[in-house]
Structure formats: structure tokens, C-alpha cells
């Protein structure tokens, strides 16, 4: 809500998990690294990484580890399917 044009700040991450649901690795895919300086995109990257880390440990079925050991995480309004948005998002 505090970033101008929030639909422009999308973050794609790759999350690898240990069998106990803890994070083995969390890396940026797009952008490939945090922009230098105090840019709005840098703020979006920081928030996305922090949001994923705050979910640790992930509570997932251990017998299905092969299905969830590596997850692509997409955060940002640019990844929202507009068909499923309600009116609160406006014209995304």
C-alpha cells in the first residue's frame, strides 16, 4: 500500500526446504539480486524474502517431501490472475 504502482514490483524466488520444513536455501530468480540503493524494488525484494522466512518452519506432509522440497514462490500483483481479483485491487 505504501509503494507507488505496486503492480510493478514483482519478486520470483526459489525456495528449497529441508525435510523438517526449515529453509535450506532461498534465492532470487527475478530480479536476480536486490537492487542497490533504497529503491522501491529493493523494498519489495526485502519484504518478499522476509515474508517467506517468517513462515519457517513450513508444516508440510513429510511423506510428500519430494513434491514440496523445491518451490517457486511468486509475490506481487503482477502475478495475480486478474480473473480472480475482487474490487479491492482496482485496475491491476
C-alpha atoms as a PDB file:
ATOM      1  CA  UNK A   1       0.000   0.000   0.000  1.00  0.00           C
ATOM      2  CA  UNK A   2       2.937   2.333   0.573  1.00  0.00           C
ATOM      3  CA  UNK A   3       4.729   1.602  -2.733  1.00  0.00           C
ATOM      4  CA  UNK A   4       3.691   3.613  -5.798  1.00  0.00           C
ATOM      5  CA  UNK A   5       2.373   1.416  -8.625  1.00  0.00           C
ATOM      6  CA  UNK A   6       2.665  -1.810  -6.589  1.00  0.00           C
ATOM      7  CA  UNK A   7       1.807  -3.955  -9.617  1.00  0.00           C
ATOM      8  CA  UNK A   8       5.300  -3.160 -10.956  1.00  0.00           C
ATOM      9  CA  UNK A   9       7.175  -4.740  -8.023  1.00  0.00           C
ATOM     10  CA  UNK A  10       7.090  -8.484  -8.527  1.00  0.00           C
ATOM     11  CA  UNK A  11       9.526 -10.919  -6.951  1.00  0.00           C
ATOM     12  CA  UNK A  12      10.146 -14.507  -8.051  1.00  0.00           C
ATOM     13  CA  UNK A  13      12.101 -16.682  -5.604  1.00  0.00           C
ATOM     14  CA  UNK A  14      13.236 -20.296  -5.486  1.00  0.00           C
ATOM     15  CA  UNK A  15      12.751 -21.958  -2.111  1.00  0.00           C
ATOM     16  CA  UNK A  16      14.473 -25.230  -1.201  1.00  0.00           C
ATOM     17  CA  UNK A  17      13.313 -26.865   2.013  1.00  0.00           C
ATOM     18  CA  UNK A  18      14.776 -29.451   4.350  1.00  0.00           C
ATOM     19  CA  UNK A  19      12.609 -32.420   5.304  1.00  0.00           C
ATOM     20  CA  UNK A  20      11.724 -30.736   8.613  1.00  0.00           C
ATOM     21  CA  UNK A  21      10.284 -27.714   6.769  1.00  0.00           C
ATOM     22  CA  UNK A  22      13.180 -25.385   7.511  1.00  0.00           C
ATOM     23  CA  UNK A  23      14.704 -23.352   4.704  1.00  0.00           C
ATOM     24  CA  UNK A  24      17.744 -24.942   3.059  1.00  0.00           C
ATOM     25  CA  UNK A  25      18.085 -22.129   0.509  1.00  0.00           C
ATOM     26  CA  UNK A  26      16.098 -19.108  -0.574  1.00  0.00           C
ATOM     27  CA  UNK A  27      17.320 -17.388  -3.710  1.00  0.00           C
ATOM     28  CA  UNK A  28      16.089 -14.662  -6.001  1.00  0.00           C
ATOM     29  CA  UNK A  29      15.158 -15.607  -9.563  1.00  0.00           C
ATOM     30  CA  UNK A  30      13.730 -12.284 -10.773  1.00  0.00           C
ATOM     31  CA  UNK A  31      15.251  -9.902 -10.033  1.00  0.00           C
ATOM     32  CA  UNK A  32      18.456 -11.932  -9.760  1.00  0.00           C
ATOM     33  CA  UNK A  33      19.671  -9.794  -6.838  1.00  0.00           C
ATOM     34  CA  UNK A  34      18.479  -6.963  -4.645  1.00  0.00           C
ATOM     35  CA  UNK A  35      18.788  -3.614  -6.436  1.00  0.00           C
ATOM     36  CA  UNK A  36      21.461  -1.349  -4.947  1.00  0.00           C
ATOM     37  CA  UNK A  37      20.247   1.677  -3.027  1.00  0.00           C
ATOM     38  CA  UNK A  38      16.935   2.378  -1.422  1.00  0.00           C
ATOM     39  CA  UNK A  39      14.766   1.755  -4.454  1.00  0.00           C
ATOM     40  CA  UNK A  40      11.134   0.717  -4.282  1.00  0.00           C
ATOM     41  CA  UNK A  41      12.090  -2.581  -5.933  1.00  0.00           C
ATOM     42  CA  UNK A  42      14.669  -3.146  -3.200  1.00  0.00           C
ATOM     43  CA  UNK A  43      11.937  -2.653  -0.606  1.00  0.00           C
ATOM     44  CA  UNK A  44       9.708  -5.154  -2.424  1.00  0.00           C
ATOM     45  CA  UNK A  45      12.536  -7.720  -2.523  1.00  0.00           C
ATOM     46  CA  UNK A  46      13.266  -7.271   1.186  1.00  0.00           C
ATOM     47  CA  UNK A  47       9.607  -7.703   2.085  1.00  0.00           C
ATOM     48  CA  UNK A  48       9.167 -10.787  -0.097  1.00  0.00           C
ATOM     49  CA  UNK A  49      12.227 -12.508   1.369  1.00  0.00           C
ATOM     50  CA  UNK A  50      11.174 -11.595   4.901  1.00  0.00           C
ATOM     51  CA  UNK A  51       7.632 -12.901   4.309  1.00  0.00           C
ATOM     52  CA  UNK A  52       8.913 -16.314   3.213  1.00  0.00           C
ATOM     53  CA  UNK A  53      11.394 -16.536   6.101  1.00  0.00           C
ATOM     54  CA  UNK A  54       8.662 -15.689   8.621  1.00  0.00           C
ATOM     55  CA  UNK A  55       6.717 -18.791   7.525  1.00  0.00           C
ATOM     56  CA  UNK A  56       9.525 -21.093   8.628  1.00  0.00           C
ATOM     57  CA  UNK A  57       9.214 -23.887   9.547  1.00  0.00           C
ATOM     58  CA  UNK A  58       6.786 -24.877   6.828  1.00  0.00           C
ATOM     59  CA  UNK A  59       4.409 -27.553   8.075  1.00  0.00           C
ATOM     60  CA  UNK A  60       4.004 -29.884   5.125  1.00  0.00           C
ATOM     61  CA  UNK A  61       3.332 -33.629   4.940  1.00  0.00           C
ATOM     62  CA  UNK A  62       6.678 -35.375   5.389  1.00  0.00           C
ATOM     63  CA  UNK A  63       5.623 -38.349   3.265  1.00  0.00           C
ATOM     64  CA  UNK A  64       5.286 -35.983   0.281  1.00  0.00           C
ATOM     65  CA  UNK A  65       8.701 -34.302   0.658  1.00  0.00           C
ATOM     66  CA  UNK A  66       9.638 -34.996  -2.973  1.00  0.00           C
ATOM     67  CA  UNK A  67       6.654 -32.866  -4.066  1.00  0.00           C
ATOM     68  CA  UNK A  68       7.496 -29.790  -1.981  1.00  0.00           C
ATOM     69  CA  UNK A  69      11.257 -29.842  -1.421  1.00  0.00           C
ATOM     70  CA  UNK A  70      11.687 -27.132  -4.059  1.00  0.00           C
ATOM     71  CA  UNK A  71       9.079 -24.425  -4.589  1.00  0.00           C
ATOM     72  CA  UNK A  72       8.905 -21.407  -6.864  1.00  0.00           C
ATOM     73  CA  UNK A  73       7.427 -18.508  -4.917  1.00  0.00           C
ATOM     74  CA  UNK A  74       5.869 -15.572  -6.753  1.00  0.00           C
ATOM     75  CA  UNK A  75       4.977 -12.388  -4.884  1.00  0.00           C
ATOM     76  CA  UNK A  76       3.469  -9.278  -6.367  1.00  0.00           C
ATOM     77  CA  UNK A  77       0.335  -8.052  -8.032  1.00  0.00           C
ATOM     78  CA  UNK A  78       1.831  -8.781 -11.458  1.00  0.00           C
ATOM     79  CA  UNK A  79       1.394 -12.486 -10.709  1.00  0.00           C
ATOM     80  CA  UNK A  80      -2.246 -12.198  -9.674  1.00  0.00           C
ATOM     81  CA  UNK A  81      -4.690 -13.646 -12.155  1.00  0.00           C
ATOM     82  CA  UNK A  82      -6.974 -10.694 -12.842  1.00  0.00           C
ATOM     83  CA  UNK A  83      -9.945 -13.008 -13.307  1.00  0.00           C
ATOM     84  CA  UNK A  84      -9.851 -13.803  -9.591  1.00  0.00           C
ATOM     85  CA  UNK A  85      -9.283 -10.286  -8.228  1.00  0.00           C
ATOM     86  CA  UNK A  86     -12.037  -8.633  -6.326  1.00  0.00           C
ATOM     87  CA  UNK A  87     -12.675  -4.918  -6.450  1.00  0.00           C
ATOM     88  CA  UNK A  88     -10.193  -4.009  -3.733  1.00  0.00           C
ATOM     89  CA  UNK A  89      -7.291  -4.395  -6.204  1.00  0.00           C
ATOM     90  CA  UNK A  90      -8.796  -1.951  -8.700  1.00  0.00           C
ATOM     91  CA  UNK A  91      -7.295  -1.975 -12.180  1.00  0.00           C
ATOM     92  CA  UNK A  92      -4.302  -4.273 -11.769  1.00  0.00           C
END
